[in-house]
Every structure is written in structure tokens, then in C-alpha cells.
PDB file of N, CA and C in Angstrom:
ATOM      1  N   UNK A   1       2.642  19.307  77.114  1.00  0.00           N
ATOM      2  CA  UNK A   1       3.326  18.283  76.340  1.00  0.00           C
ATOM      3  C   UNK A   1       5.038  18.528  77.184  1.00  0.00           C
ATOM      4  N   UNK A   2       5.156  17.685  78.348  1.00  0.00           N
ATOM      5  CA  UNK A   2       5.969  17.862  79.175  1.00  0.00           C
ATOM      6  C   UNK A   2       7.324  17.197  78.281  1.00  0.00           C
ATOM      7  N   UNK A   3       8.191  17.580  78.211  1.00  0.00           N
ATOM      8  CA  UNK A   3       9.398  17.003  77.589  1.00  0.00           C
ATOM      9  C   UNK A   3       9.426  17.323  76.017  1.00  0.00           C
ATOM     10  N   UNK A   4       8.485  17.585  75.616  1.00  0.00           N
ATOM     11  CA  UNK A   4       8.528  18.122  74.293  1.00  0.00           C
ATOM     12  C   UNK A   4       9.188  19.255  73.673  1.00  0.00           C
ATOM     13  N   UNK A   5      10.379  19.030  72.940  1.00  0.00           N
ATOM     14  CA  UNK A   5      11.192  20.242  72.681  1.00  0.00           C
ATOM     15  C   UNK A   5      10.814  20.080  70.714  1.00  0.00           C
ATOM     16  N   UNK A   6      10.623  21.299  70.493  1.00  0.00           N
ATOM     17  CA  UNK A   6      10.760  21.233  68.725  1.00  0.00           C
ATOM     18  C   UNK A   6      12.022  22.198  68.364  1.00  0.00           C
ATOM     19  N   UNK A   7      12.711  21.851  67.278  1.00  0.00           N
ATOM     20  CA  UNK A   7      13.461  22.440  66.923  1.00  0.00           C
ATOM     21  C   UNK A   7      13.061  23.433  65.529  1.00  0.00           C
ATOM     22  N   UNK A   8      11.755  23.469  65.555  1.00  0.00           N
ATOM     23  CA  UNK A   8      11.047  24.275  64.508  1.00  0.00           C
ATOM     24  C   UNK A   8      10.830  25.807  65.114  1.00  0.00           C
ATOM     25  N   UNK A   9      11.061  26.767  64.383  1.00  0.00           N
ATOM     26  CA  UNK A   9      11.142  28.280  64.964  1.00  0.00           C
ATOM     27  C   UNK A   9       9.457  28.574  65.241  1.00  0.00           C
ATOM     28  N   UNK A  10       9.793  29.200  66.668  1.00  0.00           N
ATOM     29  CA  UNK A  10       8.014  29.819  66.659  1.00  0.00           C
ATOM     30  C   UNK A  10       8.200  30.976  66.604  1.00  0.00           C
ATOM     31  N   UNK A  11       6.764  31.398  65.917  1.00  0.00           N
ATOM     32  CA  UNK A  11       6.631  32.675  65.700  1.00  0.00           C
ATOM     33  C   UNK A  11       5.513  33.808  66.358  1.00  0.00           C
ATOM     34  N   UNK A  12       5.667  34.378  66.843  1.00  0.00           N
ATOM     35  CA  UNK A  12       4.857  35.145  67.973  1.00  0.00           C
ATOM     36  C   UNK A  12       4.691  36.555  67.367  1.00  0.00           C
ATOM     37  N   UNK A  13       3.442  37.280  67.619  1.00  0.00           N
ATOM     38  CA  UNK A  13       2.975  38.866  67.163  1.00  0.00           C
ATOM     39  C   UNK A  13       4.070  39.462  67.984  1.00  0.00           C
ATOM     40  N   UNK A  14       4.656  40.659  67.602  1.00  0.00           N
ATOM     41  CA  UNK A  14       5.459  41.216  68.781  1.00  0.00           C
ATOM     42  C   UNK A  14       4.487  41.698  69.513  1.00  0.00           C
ATOM     43  N   UNK A  15       3.056  42.410  69.416  1.00  0.00           N
ATOM     44  CA  UNK A  15       2.395  42.729  70.615  1.00  0.00           C
ATOM     45  C   UNK A  15       2.544  41.803  71.454  1.00  0.00           C
ATOM     46  N   UNK A  16       2.133  40.379  71.334  1.00  0.00           N
ATOM     47  CA  UNK A  16       1.901  39.326  72.010  1.00  0.00           C
ATOM     48  C   UNK A  16       3.234  39.048  72.663  1.00  0.00           C
ATOM     49  N   UNK A  17       4.455  38.966  72.168  1.00  0.00           N
ATOM     50  CA  UNK A  17       5.485  38.954  72.592  1.00  0.00           C
ATOM     51  C   UNK A  17       5.640  39.854  74.015  1.00  0.00           C
ATOM     52  N   UNK A  18       5.468  41.085  73.606  1.00  0.00           N
ATOM     53  CA  UNK A  18       5.477  42.057  74.836  1.00  0.00           C
ATOM     54  C   UNK A  18       4.532  41.854  76.036  1.00  0.00           C
ATOM     55  N   UNK A  19       3.504  41.278  75.379  1.00  0.00           N
ATOM     56  CA  UNK A  19       2.561  40.961  76.632  1.00  0.00           C
ATOM     57  C   UNK A  19       2.830  39.941  77.523  1.00  0.00           C
ATOM     58  N   UNK A  20       3.407  38.990  76.747  1.00  0.00           N
ATOM     59  CA  UNK A  20       4.256  37.759  77.329  1.00  0.00           C
ATOM     60  C   UNK A  20       5.277  38.280  78.247  1.00  0.00           C
ATOM     61  N   UNK A  21       6.343  39.188  77.694  1.00  0.00           N
ATOM     62  CA  UNK A  21       7.174  39.550  78.470  1.00  0.00           C
ATOM     63  C   UNK A  21       6.955  40.126  80.042  1.00  0.00           C
ATOM     64  N   UNK A  22       5.644  41.084  79.770  1.00  0.00           N
ATOM     65  CA  UNK A  22       5.516  41.807  80.881  1.00  0.00           C
ATOM     66  C   UNK A  22       4.373  40.614  82.016  1.00  0.00           C
ATOM     67  N   UNK A  23       3.873  39.930  81.440  1.00  0.00           N
ATOM     68  CA  UNK A  23       3.337  38.790  82.294  1.00  0.00           C
ATOM     69  C   UNK A  23       4.722  37.765  83.382  1.00  0.00           C
ATOM     70  N   UNK A  24       5.255  37.821  82.186  1.00  0.00           N
ATOM     71  CA  UNK A  24       6.439  37.179  82.998  1.00  0.00           C
ATOM     72  C   UNK A  24       7.417  38.082  83.636  1.00  0.00           C
ATOM     73  N   UNK A  25       7.376  39.102  83.776  1.00  0.00           N
ATOM     74  CA  UNK A  25       7.844  40.587  84.663  1.00  0.00           C
ATOM     75  C   UNK A  25       6.960  40.120  85.806  1.00  0.00           C
ATOM     76  N   UNK A  26       5.766  40.145  85.926  1.00  0.00           N
ATOM     77  CA  UNK A  26       5.006  40.134  86.846  1.00  0.00           C
ATOM     78  C   UNK A  26       4.804  38.846  87.717  1.00  0.00           C
ATOM     79  N   UNK A  27       4.929  37.922  87.152  1.00  0.00           N
ATOM     80  CA  UNK A  27       5.606  36.273  87.705  1.00  0.00           C
ATOM     81  C   UNK A  27       6.557  36.512  88.593  1.00  0.00           C
ATOM     82  N   UNK A  28       7.572  36.967  88.022  1.00  0.00           N
ATOM     83  CA  UNK A  28       8.882  36.815  88.699  1.00  0.00           C
ATOM     84  C   UNK A  28       8.772  37.853  89.920  1.00  0.00           C
ATOM     85  N   UNK A  29       7.980  38.979  89.624  1.00  0.00           N
ATOM     86  CA  UNK A  29       7.941  40.167  90.847  1.00  0.00           C
ATOM     87  C   UNK A  29       6.961  39.250  91.901  1.00  0.00           C
ATOM     88  N   UNK A  30       6.193  38.592  91.818  1.00  0.00           N
ATOM     89  CA  UNK A  30       5.147  37.883  92.885  1.00  0.00           C
ATOM     90  C   UNK A  30       6.196  36.692  93.546  1.00  0.00           C
ATOM     91  N   UNK A  31       6.887  36.186  92.783  1.00  0.00           N
ATOM     92  CA  UNK A  31       7.697  35.336  92.885  1.00  0.00           C
ATOM     93  C   UNK A  31       8.597  35.517  94.388  1.00  0.00           C
ATOM     94  N   UNK A  32       9.320  36.549  93.812  1.00  0.00           N
ATOM     95  CA  UNK A  32      10.101  37.328  94.880  1.00  0.00           C
ATOM     96  C   UNK A  32       9.322  37.910  95.854  1.00  0.00           C
ATOM     97  N   UNK A  33       8.263  38.221  95.874  1.00  0.00           N
ATOM     98  CA  UNK A  33       7.217  38.519  96.691  1.00  0.00           C
ATOM     99  C   UNK A  33       6.925  37.534  97.819  1.00  0.00           C
ATOM    100  N   UNK A  34       6.410  36.524  96.726  1.00  0.00           N
ATOM    101  CA  UNK A  34       6.441  35.204  98.068  1.00  0.00           C
ATOM    102  C   UNK A  34       7.642  34.792  98.554  1.00  0.00           C
ATOM    103  N   UNK A  35       8.735  34.793  98.492  1.00  0.00           N
ATOM    104  CA  UNK A  35      10.054  34.351  98.559  1.00  0.00           C
ATOM    105  C   UNK A  35      10.292  35.448 100.049  1.00  0.00           C
ATOM    106  N   UNK A  36      10.242  36.579  99.925  1.00  0.00           N
ATOM    107  CA  UNK A  36      10.511  37.306 100.791  1.00  0.00           C
ATOM    108  C   UNK A  36       9.312  36.867 102.087  1.00  0.00           C
ATOM    109  N   UNK A  37       8.332  37.236 101.600  1.00  0.00           N
ATOM    110  CA  UNK A  37       7.234  36.540 102.900  1.00  0.00           C
ATOM    111  C   UNK A  37       7.502  35.687 103.507  1.00  0.00           C
ATOM    112  N   UNK A  38       7.754  34.264 102.529  1.00  0.00           N
ATOM    113  CA  UNK A  38       8.417  32.983 103.219  1.00  0.00           C
ATOM    114  C   UNK A  38       9.612  33.107 104.267  1.00  0.00           C
ATOM    115  N   UNK A  39      10.456  34.041 103.871  1.00  0.00           N
ATOM    116  CA  UNK A  39      11.376  34.305 105.059  1.00  0.00           C
ATOM    117  C   UNK A  39      11.356  35.040 106.006  1.00  0.00           C
ATOM    118  N   UNK A  40       9.983  35.858 105.655  1.00  0.00           N
ATOM    119  CA  UNK A  40       9.683  36.827 107.297  1.00  0.00           C
ATOM    120  C   UNK A  40       9.249  35.975 107.835  1.00  0.00           C
ATOM    121  N   UNK A  41       8.331  34.771 107.540  1.00  0.00           N
ATOM    122  CA  UNK A  41       7.353  33.890 108.406  1.00  0.00           C
ATOM    123  C   UNK A  41       8.420  33.068 109.162  1.00  0.00           C
ATOM    124  N   UNK A  42       9.181  32.397 108.218  1.00  0.00           N
ATOM    125  CA  UNK A  42      10.544  31.832 108.838  1.00  0.00           C
ATOM    126  C   UNK A  42      11.116  32.568 110.045  1.00  0.00           C
ATOM    127  N   UNK A  43      11.475  33.928 109.810  1.00  0.00           N
ATOM    128  CA  UNK A  43      12.514  34.378 110.959  1.00  0.00           C
ATOM    129  C   UNK A  43      11.294  34.552 112.245  1.00  0.00           C
ATOM    130  N   UNK A  44      10.057  34.785 111.872  1.00  0.00           N
ATOM    131  CA  UNK A  44       9.275  34.620 112.804  1.00  0.00           C
ATOM    132  C   UNK A  44       9.028  33.444 113.660  1.00  0.00           C
ATOM    133  N   UNK A  45       8.791  32.453 113.022  1.00  0.00           N
ATOM    134  CA  UNK A  45       8.792  31.190 113.500  1.00  0.00           C
ATOM    135  C   UNK A  45      10.000  30.791 114.356  1.00  0.00           C
ATOM    136  N   UNK A  46      11.027  30.928 113.812  1.00  0.00           N
ATOM    137  CA  UNK A  46      12.480  30.794 114.498  1.00  0.00           C
ATOM    138  C   UNK A  46      12.516  31.743 115.799  1.00  0.00           C
ATOM    139  N   UNK A  47      12.111  32.782 115.902  1.00  0.00           N
ATOM    140  CA  UNK A  47      11.889  33.706 116.701  1.00  0.00           C
ATOM    141  C   UNK A  47      10.562  33.382 117.669  1.00  0.00           C
ATOM    142  N   UNK A  48       9.698  32.732 117.456  1.00  0.00           N
ATOM    143  CA  UNK A  48       8.927  31.887 118.491  1.00  0.00           C
ATOM    144  C   UNK A  48       9.176  30.768 119.149  1.00  0.00           C
ATOM    145  N   UNK A  49       9.958  29.865 118.227  1.00  0.00           N
ATOM    146  CA  UNK A  49      10.632  28.773 118.811  1.00  0.00           C
ATOM    147  C   UNK A  49      11.556  29.080 119.657  1.00  0.00           C
ATOM    148  N   UNK A  50      12.319  30.164 119.692  1.00  0.00           N
ATOM    149  CA  UNK A  50      13.160  30.545 120.537  1.00  0.00           C
ATOM    150  C   UNK A  50      12.623  31.174 121.885  1.00  0.00           C
ATOM    151  N   UNK A  51      11.535  32.034 121.916  1.00  0.00           N
ATOM    152  CA  UNK A  51      10.833  32.196 123.102  1.00  0.00           C
ATOM    153  C   UNK A  51      10.083  30.998 123.870  1.00  0.00           C
ATOM    154  N   UNK A  52       9.861  30.155 123.137  1.00  0.00           N
ATOM    155  CA  UNK A  52       9.101  28.845 123.760  1.00  0.00           C
ATOM    156  C   UNK A  52       9.926  28.177 124.530  1.00  0.00           C
ATOM    157  N   UNK A  53      11.055  28.053 124.088  1.00  0.00           N
ATOM    158  CA  UNK A  53      12.360  27.272 124.488  1.00  0.00           C
ATOM    159  C   UNK A  53      12.778  28.015 126.221  1.00  0.00           C
ATOM    160  N   UNK A  54      12.963  29.233 125.785  1.00  0.00           N
ATOM    161  CA  UNK A  54      13.128  30.173 126.749  1.00  0.00           C
ATOM    162  C   UNK A  54      11.888  30.008 128.121  1.00  0.00           C
ATOM    163  N   UNK A  55      10.929  30.106 127.665  1.00  0.00           N
ATOM    164  CA  UNK A  55       9.379  29.753 128.509  1.00  0.00           C
ATOM    165  C   UNK A  55       9.684  28.192 129.005  1.00  0.00           C
ATOM    166  N   UNK A  56       9.892  27.424 128.535  1.00  0.00           N
ATOM    167  CA  UNK A  56       9.776  25.922 128.767  1.00  0.00           C
ATOM    168  C   UNK A  56      10.984  26.089 129.772  1.00  0.00           C
ATOM    169  N   UNK A  57      12.363  26.752 129.505  1.00  0.00           N
ATOM    170  CA  UNK A  57      13.491  26.399 130.409  1.00  0.00           C
ATOM    171  C   UNK A  57      13.228  27.311 131.911  1.00  0.00           C
ATOM    172  N   UNK A  58      12.064  28.297 132.125  1.00  0.00           N
ATOM    173  CA  UNK A  58      12.077  29.361 133.136  1.00  0.00           C
ATOM    174  C   UNK A  58      10.997  28.587 134.026  1.00  0.00           C
ATOM    175  N   UNK A  59       9.948  27.878 133.160  1.00  0.00           N
ATOM    176  CA  UNK A  59       9.187  27.079 133.912  1.00  0.00           C
ATOM    177  C   UNK A  59       9.696  25.716 134.348  1.00  0.00           C
ATOM    178  N   UNK A  60      10.879  25.275 134.165  1.00  0.00           N
ATOM    179  CA  UNK A  60      11.743  24.255 134.553  1.00  0.00           C
ATOM    180  C   UNK A  60      12.384  24.349 135.570  1.00  0.00           C
ATOM    181  N   UNK A  61      12.873  25.655 135.644  1.00  0.00           N
ATOM    182  CA  UNK A  61      13.275  26.312 136.830  1.00  0.00           C
ATOM    183  C   UNK A  61      12.555  26.292 137.987  1.00  0.00           C
ATOM    184  N   UNK A  62      11.415  26.956 137.867  1.00  0.00           N
ATOM    185  CA  UNK A  62      10.621  27.191 138.666  1.00  0.00           C
ATOM    186  C   UNK A  62      10.075  26.079 139.206  1.00  0.00           C
ATOM    187  N   UNK A  63       9.716  24.935 138.584  1.00  0.00           N
ATOM    188  CA  UNK A  63       9.367  23.720 138.948  1.00  0.00           C
ATOM    189  C   UNK A  63      10.409  23.381 139.882  1.00  0.00           C
ATOM    190  N   UNK A  64      11.829  23.335 139.679  1.00  0.00           N
ATOM    191  CA  UNK A  64      12.874  22.662 140.333  1.00  0.00           C
ATOM    192  C   UNK A  64      12.731  23.776 142.102  1.00  0.00           C
ATOM    193  N   UNK A  65      12.632  24.906 141.594  1.00  0.00           N
ATOM    194  CA  UNK A  65      12.723  25.845 142.939  1.00  0.00           C
ATOM    195  C   UNK A  65      11.763  25.029 143.773  1.00  0.00           C
ATOM    196  N   UNK A  66      10.388  25.026 143.226  1.00  0.00           N
ATOM    197  CA  UNK A  66       9.034  24.628 143.895  1.00  0.00           C
ATOM    198  C   UNK A  66       9.508  23.327 144.642  1.00  0.00           C
ATOM    199  N   UNK A  67      10.117  22.123 143.630  1.00  0.00           N
ATOM    200  CA  UNK A  67      10.466  21.242 144.622  1.00  0.00           C
ATOM    201  C   UNK A  67      11.337  20.918 145.717  1.00  0.00           C
ATOM    202  N   UNK A  68      12.392  22.300 145.643  1.00  0.00           N
ATOM    203  CA  UNK A  68      13.189  22.449 146.601  1.00  0.00           C
ATOM    204  C   UNK A  68      12.670  23.209 147.710  1.00  0.00           C
ATOM    205  N   UNK A  69      11.667  23.991 147.482  1.00  0.00           N
ATOM    206  CA  UNK A  69      10.876  24.594 148.779  1.00  0.00           C
ATOM    207  C   UNK A  69       9.919  23.461 149.246  1.00  0.00           C
ATOM    208  N   UNK A  70       9.163  22.600 148.686  1.00  0.00           N
ATOM    209  CA  UNK A  70       8.644  21.491 149.268  1.00  0.00           C
ATOM    210  C   UNK A  70       9.278  20.691 149.923  1.00  0.00           C
ATOM    211  N   UNK A  71      10.515  20.260 149.620  1.00  0.00           N
ATOM    212  CA  UNK A  71      11.361  19.202 150.268  1.00  0.00           C
ATOM    213  C   UNK A  71      11.839  19.971 151.521  1.00  0.00           C
ATOM    214  N   UNK A  72      12.129  21.196 151.534  1.00  0.00           N
ATOM    215  CA  UNK A  72      12.573  21.888 152.818  1.00  0.00           C
ATOM    216  C   UNK A  72      11.486  21.778 153.827  1.00  0.00           C
ATOM    217  N   UNK A  73      10.348  22.216 153.291  1.00  0.00           N
ATOM    218  CA  UNK A  73       9.005  22.667 154.188  1.00  0.00           C
ATOM    219  C   UNK A  73       8.429  21.287 155.069  1.00  0.00           C
ATOM    220  N   UNK A  74       8.619  20.174 154.067  1.00  0.00           N
ATOM    221  CA  UNK A  74       7.706  19.092 154.580  1.00  0.00           C
ATOM    222  C   UNK A  74       8.379  17.833 154.694  1.00  0.00           C
ATOM    223  N   UNK A  75      10.046  17.901 154.419  1.00  0.00           N
ATOM    224  CA  UNK A  75      10.623  16.469 155.182  1.00  0.00           C
ATOM    225  C   UNK A  75      10.956  17.070 156.562  1.00  0.00           C
ATOM    226  N   UNK A  76      11.297  16.039 157.184  1.00  0.00           N
ATOM    227  CA  UNK A  76      11.595  16.046 158.727  1.00  0.00           C
ATOM    228  C   UNK A  76      13.149  16.544 158.646  1.00  0.00           C
ATOM    229  N   UNK A  77      13.550  17.423 159.483  1.00  0.00           N
ATOM    230  CA  UNK A  77      14.784  17.794 159.898  1.00  0.00           C
ATOM    231  C   UNK A  77      15.806  16.796 160.209  1.00  0.00           C
ATOM    232  N   UNK A  78      17.087  16.371 160.041  1.00  0.00           N
ATOM    233  CA  UNK A  78      17.545  15.551 160.249  1.00  0.00           C
ATOM    234  C   UNK A  78      18.374  15.909 161.506  1.00  0.00           C
ATOM    235  N   UNK A  79      18.336  15.369 162.630  1.00  0.00           N
ATOM    236  CA  UNK A  79      19.058  15.272 163.981  1.00  0.00           C
ATOM    237  C   UNK A  79      20.358  14.864 164.016  1.00  0.00           C
ATOM    238  N   UNK A  80      21.035  15.743 164.648  1.00  0.00           N
ATOM    239  CA  UNK A  80      22.709  15.595 164.750  1.00  0.00           C
ATOM    240  C   UNK A  80      23.146  15.120 166.073  1.00  0.00           C
TER     241      UNK A  80
END
């Protein structure tokens, strides 16, 4: 009953109330644990993304150096 709000008091057995509080406590603990796990996953992802960017940059540098070597070896020398 989404959006239903009752003004009447709700009566719950004391032992059921304690059980409900225990269950809510467990749910909160699991939620906190899930949030911490997600934070850890995000940190790992960010580290991986940074590492991949560095690898791409390194490969680009190597590619440019190979092109320079290729030009030096296979282009005719200019005569002065």
C-alpha cells in the first residue's frame, strides 16, 4: 500500500517489536557492508582505469618512436 498513511496507532507484541528491531539492525549492517564493498569496487575500477590510460600512453609513445625509426631507416637522406 504505497503512499498509505494511517493515523491509527499500531499495536505490536513486544517480542515481535524486538525481533523487528533486530532484523532492521541486520539490514542496516548489510547495507553498510554493501556500500563499503561498492566503494572498494569503485576504487579498484578507478585504479584500473588509471593503469589502462598509462598503458595506452606508453603504447602511443612506443608507436611514435617506431615511426621515427622507420622514417630514419627507410627515407632517403637529403643531400646538401
